[in-house]
Amino acid sequence: MKGKESAPVQLARKTLESYLASGRHPEIPPDMYHDPLFGRRAGVFVSLKKAGALRGCIGTFLPEEPDIAREIIANAIQAATCDPRFYPVRPEELDQLSISVDVLSKPEPVTQLGELDPKRYGVIMTAGQRRSLLLPDLPGVDTVEQQLAILRQKANIPPEAAVTLMRFTVTRYE
């Protein structure tokens, strides 16, 4: 499995192996910066699954690090150790984890629901200080209505509350 992983996923896995064993971030291979993907900035989500079930998922919809490589490193560590829905990943679980890395496009405003498509676009919903994000193309999320209901539930936004929506696309690496 590991030999078939993309470069972003290999970096996330190397990060987890290093961090869970020693508490340190891995060195970023210098040749990685020759890849145009890693030299730019973008929001990134790292998702961890174990036996097909979500085990951790943390990300940023706007970049917080100087480049995508460092964004992957930061979010991989957060997904494994700080997702409040799960206990921290243990080193002995690493071989059982499948990892995906989603690199997000810059979010754009949505003015009408017809601009959404749950298979193509992720959505960010904001109401006052509450915000939630849902990645695109998730199993079981087939309609815009399902997307919006999940977003409201995640951020505890009442059905009657006015919201603003933004959409984005992802490039998913597995």
C-alpha atoms as a PDB file:
ATOM      1  CA  MET A   1       0.000   0.000   0.000  1.00  0.00           C
ATOM      2  CA  LYS A   2       2.688   2.511   0.978  1.00  0.00           C
ATOM      3  CA  GLY A   3       4.545   2.130  -2.329  1.00  0.00           C
ATOM      4  CA  LYS A   4       1.445   3.296  -4.220  1.00  0.00           C
ATOM      5  CA  GLU A   5       0.855   6.371  -2.082  1.00  0.00           C
ATOM      6  CA  SER A   6       1.163   9.804  -3.676  1.00  0.00           C
ATOM      7  CA  ALA A   7       3.899  12.214  -2.571  1.00  0.00           C
ATOM      8  CA  PRO A   8       1.540  14.268  -0.323  1.00  0.00           C
ATOM      9  CA  VAL A   9       0.334  11.099   1.403  1.00  0.00           C
ATOM     10  CA  GLN A  10       3.902   9.809   1.765  1.00  0.00           C
ATOM     11  CA  LEU A  11       4.808  13.102   3.484  1.00  0.00           C
ATOM     12  CA  ALA A  12       1.796  12.814   5.824  1.00  0.00           C
ATOM     13  CA  ARG A  13       2.689   9.208   6.690  1.00  0.00           C
ATOM     14  CA  LYS A  14       6.378  10.052   7.234  1.00  0.00           C
ATOM     15  CA  THR A  15       5.251  12.923   9.462  1.00  0.00           C
ATOM     16  CA  LEU A  16       3.119  10.633  11.610  1.00  0.00           C
ATOM     17  CA  GLU A  17       5.821   7.973  11.852  1.00  0.00           C
ATOM     18  CA  SER A  18       8.370  10.576  12.991  1.00  0.00           C
ATOM     19  CA  TYR A  19       6.084  12.529  15.282  1.00  0.00           C
ATOM     20  CA  LEU A  20       4.520   9.543  17.028  1.00  0.00           C
ATOM     21  CA  ALA A  21       7.917   7.904  17.561  1.00  0.00           C
ATOM     22  CA  SER A  22       9.948  10.938  18.640  1.00  0.00           C
ATOM     23  CA  GLY A  23       7.690  13.986  18.934  1.00  0.00           C
ATOM     24  CA  ARG A  24       9.591  15.614  16.056  1.00  0.00           C
ATOM     25  CA  HIS A  25       8.585  16.811  12.629  1.00  0.00           C
ATOM     26  CA  PRO A  26      10.349  15.014   9.775  1.00  0.00           C
ATOM     27  CA  GLU A  27      12.859  16.693   7.545  1.00  0.00           C
ATOM     28  CA  ILE A  28      11.300  17.788   4.279  1.00  0.00           C
ATOM     29  CA  PRO A  29      13.239  16.213   1.401  1.00  0.00           C
ATOM     30  CA  PRO A  30      14.888  19.052  -0.587  1.00  0.00           C
ATOM     31  CA  ASP A  31      13.757  17.560  -3.913  1.00  0.00           C
ATOM     32  CA  MET A  32      10.151  17.980  -2.789  1.00  0.00           C
ATOM     33  CA  TYR A  33      10.439  21.708  -3.416  1.00  0.00           C
ATOM     34  CA  HIS A  34      11.103  21.077  -7.111  1.00  0.00           C
ATOM     35  CA  ASP A  35       7.544  19.765  -7.353  1.00  0.00           C
ATOM     36  CA  PRO A  36       5.265  22.744  -8.159  1.00  0.00           C
ATOM     37  CA  LEU A  37       2.613  21.392  -5.775  1.00  0.00           C
ATOM     38  CA  PHE A  38       4.750  21.782  -2.674  1.00  0.00           C
ATOM     39  CA  GLY A  39       6.117  25.232  -3.492  1.00  0.00           C
ATOM     40  CA  ARG A  40       2.752  26.994  -3.364  1.00  0.00           C
ATOM     41  CA  ARG A  41       0.313  27.815  -0.558  1.00  0.00           C
ATOM     42  CA  ALA A  42      -3.178  26.368  -0.091  1.00  0.00           C
ATOM     43  CA  GLY A  43      -5.536  25.048   2.527  1.00  0.00           C
ATOM     44  CA  VAL A  44      -5.050  21.327   3.195  1.00  0.00           C
ATOM     45  CA  PHE A  45      -7.057  18.624   4.938  1.00  0.00           C
ATOM     46  CA  VAL A  46      -5.509  15.371   6.131  1.00  0.00           C
ATOM     47  CA  SER A  47      -7.932  12.496   6.699  1.00  0.00           C
ATOM     48  CA  LEU A  48      -7.066   9.268   8.481  1.00  0.00           C
ATOM     49  CA  LYS A  49      -9.149   6.112   8.175  1.00  0.00           C
ATOM     50  CA  LYS A  50      -8.839   2.774   9.907  1.00  0.00           C
ATOM     51  CA  ALA A  51     -10.724  -0.204   8.439  1.00  0.00           C
ATOM     52  CA  GLY A  52     -12.699   2.271   6.324  1.00  0.00           C
ATOM     53  CA  ALA A  53     -13.902   4.329   9.307  1.00  0.00           C
ATOM     54  CA  LEU A  54     -12.798   7.883   9.961  1.00  0.00           C
ATOM     55  CA  ARG A  55     -10.005   7.999  12.563  1.00  0.00           C
ATOM     56  CA  GLY A  56      -9.103  11.694  12.347  1.00  0.00           C
ATOM     57  CA  CYS A  57      -9.515  14.655  10.026  1.00  0.00           C
ATOM     58  CA  ILE A  58      -8.119  18.143  10.488  1.00  0.00           C
ATOM     59  CA  GLY A  59      -7.393  20.867   8.010  1.00  0.00           C
ATOM     60  CA  THR A  60      -7.259  24.478   7.021  1.00  0.00           C
ATOM     61  CA  PHE A  61      -9.430  26.066   4.361  1.00  0.00           C
ATOM     62  CA  LEU A  62      -6.947  28.919   3.947  1.00  0.00           C
ATOM     63  CA  PRO A  63      -3.195  28.367   4.230  1.00  0.00           C
ATOM     64  CA  GLU A  64      -1.575  28.972   7.598  1.00  0.00           C
ATOM     65  CA  GLU A  65       1.905  27.681   6.778  1.00  0.00           C
ATOM     66  CA  PRO A  66       4.514  29.004   4.302  1.00  0.00           C
ATOM     67  CA  ASP A  67       3.889  26.151   1.823  1.00  0.00           C
ATOM     68  CA  ILE A  68       1.816  23.045   1.181  1.00  0.00           C
ATOM     69  CA  ALA A  69       4.478  20.676   2.546  1.00  0.00           C
ATOM     70  CA  ARG A  70       4.431  22.389   5.942  1.00  0.00           C
ATOM     71  CA  GLU A  71       0.611  22.601   5.790  1.00  0.00           C
ATOM     72  CA  ILE A  72       0.492  18.807   5.315  1.00  0.00           C
ATOM     73  CA  ILE A  73       2.896  18.251   8.212  1.00  0.00           C
ATOM     74  CA  ALA A  74       0.937  20.483  10.605  1.00  0.00           C
ATOM     75  CA  ASN A  75      -2.446  19.040   9.679  1.00  0.00           C
ATOM     76  CA  ALA A  76      -1.273  15.414   9.729  1.00  0.00           C
ATOM     77  CA  ILE A  77      -0.095  15.866  13.320  1.00  0.00           C
ATOM     78  CA  GLN A  78      -3.338  17.611  14.272  1.00  0.00           C
ATOM     79  CA  ALA A  79      -5.485  14.900  12.617  1.00  0.00           C
ATOM     80  CA  ALA A  80      -3.634  12.182  14.535  1.00  0.00           C
ATOM     81  CA  THR A  81      -3.409  13.884  17.911  1.00  0.00           C
ATOM     82  CA  CYS A  82      -6.003  16.665  18.244  1.00  0.00           C
ATOM     83  CA  ASP A  83      -9.247  15.689  16.506  1.00  0.00           C
ATOM     84  CA  PRO A  84     -11.667  15.978  19.456  1.00  0.00           C
ATOM     85  CA  ARG A  85     -13.848  13.161  18.088  1.00  0.00           C
ATOM     86  CA  PHE A  86     -11.124  10.529  18.570  1.00  0.00           C
ATOM     87  CA  TYR A  87      -8.424   9.495  20.991  1.00  0.00           C
ATOM     88  CA  PRO A  88      -4.875  10.166  19.694  1.00  0.00           C
ATOM     89  CA  VAL A  89      -3.453   7.739  17.156  1.00  0.00           C
ATOM     90  CA  ARG A  90      -0.987   5.270  18.649  1.00  0.00           C
ATOM     91  CA  PRO A  91       2.237   4.306  16.825  1.00  0.00           C
ATOM     92  CA  GLU A  92       1.086   0.677  16.480  1.00  0.00           C
ATOM     93  CA  GLU A  93      -1.946   1.851  14.454  1.00  0.00           C
ATOM     94  CA  LEU A  94       0.086   3.489  11.672  1.00  0.00           C
ATOM     95  CA  ASP A  95       0.243   0.420   9.438  1.00  0.00           C
ATOM     96  CA  GLN A  96      -3.552   0.121   9.635  1.00  0.00           C
ATOM     97  CA  LEU A  97      -4.260   3.706   8.562  1.00  0.00           C
ATOM     98  CA  SER A  98      -5.165   4.863   5.100  1.00  0.00           C
ATOM     99  CA  ILE A  99      -4.390   8.535   4.584  1.00  0.00           C
ATOM    100  CA  SER A 100      -5.758  11.044   2.127  1.00  0.00           C
ATOM    101  CA  VAL A 101      -4.651  14.622   1.591  1.00  0.00           C
ATOM    102  CA  ASP A 102      -7.005  17.181   0.071  1.00  0.00           C
ATOM    103  CA  VAL A 103      -5.513  20.384  -1.313  1.00  0.00           C
ATOM    104  CA  LEU A 104      -8.205  23.039  -1.469  1.00  0.00           C
ATOM    105  CA  SER A 105      -8.830  25.729  -4.059  1.00  0.00           C
ATOM    106  CA  LYS A 106      -9.414  29.268  -2.848  1.00  0.00           C
ATOM    107  CA  PRO A 107     -13.012  29.461  -1.534  1.00  0.00           C
ATOM    108  CA  GLU A 108     -15.487  31.499  -3.589  1.00  0.00           C
ATOM    109  CA  PRO A 109     -18.852  32.966  -2.524  1.00  0.00           C
ATOM    110  CA  VAL A 110     -22.064  31.126  -3.359  1.00  0.00           C
ATOM    111  CA  THR A 111     -25.069  33.284  -4.224  1.00  0.00           C
ATOM    112  CA  GLN A 112     -27.565  30.532  -5.053  1.00  0.00           C
ATOM    113  CA  LEU A 113     -27.875  26.852  -4.168  1.00  0.00           C
ATOM    114  CA  GLY A 114     -27.700  25.867  -7.841  1.00  0.00           C
ATOM    115  CA  GLU A 115     -23.984  26.710  -7.674  1.00  0.00           C
ATOM    116  CA  LEU A 116     -23.408  23.761  -5.328  1.00  0.00           C
ATOM    117  CA  ASP A 117     -22.784  20.117  -6.180  1.00  0.00           C
ATOM    118  CA  PRO A 118     -21.817  17.772  -3.306  1.00  0.00           C
ATOM    119  CA  LYS A 119     -19.723  15.572  -5.580  1.00  0.00           C
ATOM    120  CA  ARG A 120     -17.698  18.481  -6.988  1.00  0.00           C
ATOM    121  CA  TYR A 121     -17.672  21.224  -4.334  1.00  0.00           C
ATOM    122  CA  GLY A 122     -16.925  21.379  -0.659  1.00  0.00           C
ATOM    123  CA  VAL A 123     -18.835  24.007   1.278  1.00  0.00           C
ATOM    124  CA  ILE A 124     -18.058  26.426   4.090  1.00  0.00           C
ATOM    125  CA  MET A 125     -21.081  27.687   6.036  1.00  0.00           C
ATOM    126  CA  THR A 126     -20.878  30.714   8.325  1.00  0.00           C
ATOM    127  CA  ALA A 127     -23.480  32.201  10.672  1.00  0.00           C
ATOM    128  CA  GLY A 128     -22.103  34.871  12.978  1.00  0.00           C
ATOM    129  CA  GLN A 129     -19.150  33.326  14.828  1.00  0.00           C
ATOM    130  CA  ARG A 130     -20.101  29.770  13.888  1.00  0.00           C
ATOM    131  CA  ARG A 131     -18.481  28.095  10.908  1.00  0.00           C
ATOM    132  CA  SER A 132     -18.359  24.591   9.489  1.00  0.00           C
ATOM    133  CA  LEU A 133     -16.743  22.970   6.483  1.00  0.00           C
ATOM    134  CA  LEU A 134     -17.589  19.833   4.556  1.00  0.00           C
ATOM    135  CA  LEU A 135     -15.290  18.313   1.965  1.00  0.00           C
ATOM    136  CA  PRO A 136     -16.761  17.250  -1.383  1.00  0.00           C
ATOM    137  CA  ASP A 137     -17.480  13.755  -2.640  1.00  0.00           C
ATOM    138  CA  LEU A 138     -18.112  12.127   0.729  1.00  0.00           C
ATOM    139  CA  PRO A 139     -19.852   8.733   0.887  1.00  0.00           C
ATOM    140  CA  GLY A 140     -23.537   9.114   1.702  1.00  0.00           C
ATOM    141  CA  VAL A 141     -23.654  12.838   0.917  1.00  0.00           C
ATOM    142  CA  ASP A 142     -25.483  12.942  -2.388  1.00  0.00           C
ATOM    143  CA  THR A 143     -27.555  16.132  -2.298  1.00  0.00           C
ATOM    144  CA  VAL A 144     -27.032  19.807  -1.541  1.00  0.00           C
ATOM    145  CA  GLU A 145     -29.723  19.508   1.141  1.00  0.00           C
ATOM    146  CA  GLN A 146     -27.732  16.769   2.897  1.00  0.00           C
ATOM    147  CA  GLN A 147     -24.574  18.884   2.667  1.00  0.00           C
ATOM    148  CA  LEU A 148     -26.290  21.905   4.217  1.00  0.00           C
ATOM    149  CA  ALA A 149     -27.962  19.872   6.968  1.00  0.00           C
ATOM    150  CA  ILE A 150     -24.617  18.346   7.964  1.00  0.00           C
ATOM    151  CA  LEU A 151     -22.948  21.768   7.952  1.00  0.00           C
ATOM    152  CA  ARG A 152     -25.668  23.223  10.205  1.00  0.00           C
ATOM    153  CA  GLN A 153     -25.382  20.267  12.577  1.00  0.00           C
ATOM    154  CA  LYS A 154     -21.568  20.457  12.751  1.00  0.00           C
ATOM    155  CA  ALA A 155     -21.640  24.126  13.773  1.00  0.00           C
ATOM    156  CA  ASN A 156     -24.908  23.963  15.728  1.00  0.00           C
ATOM    157  CA  ILE A 157     -26.511  26.513  13.393  1.00  0.00           C
ATOM    158  CA  PRO A 158     -30.318  26.565  13.722  1.00  0.00           C
ATOM    159  CA  PRO A 159     -32.368  25.896  10.547  1.00  0.00           C
ATOM    160  CA  GLU A 160     -33.832  29.405  10.592  1.00  0.00           C
ATOM    161  CA  ALA A 161     -30.456  31.187  10.930  1.00  0.00           C
ATOM    162  CA  ALA A 162     -29.214  33.180   7.948  1.00  0.00           C
ATOM    163  CA  VAL A 163     -25.932  31.817   6.616  1.00  0.00           C
ATOM    164  CA  THR A 164     -23.277  32.687   4.067  1.00  0.00           C
ATOM    165  CA  LEU A 165     -21.874  29.945   1.891  1.00  0.00           C
ATOM    166  CA  MET A 166     -18.585  29.523   0.093  1.00  0.00           C
ATOM    167  CA  ARG A 167     -17.571  26.653  -2.167  1.00  0.00           C
ATOM    168  CA  PHE A 168     -14.234  25.146  -3.091  1.00  0.00           C
ATOM    169  CA  THR A 169     -12.823  22.234  -5.029  1.00  0.00           C
ATOM    170  CA  VAL A 170     -10.171  19.797  -3.873  1.00  0.00           C
ATOM    171  CA  THR A 171      -7.419  17.792  -5.422  1.00  0.00           C
ATOM    172  CA  ARG A 172      -7.455  14.556  -3.469  1.00  0.00           C
ATOM    173  CA  TYR A 173      -4.260  12.550  -3.031  1.00  0.00           C
ATOM    174  CA  GLU A 174      -4.357   8.962  -1.789  1.00  0.00           C
END
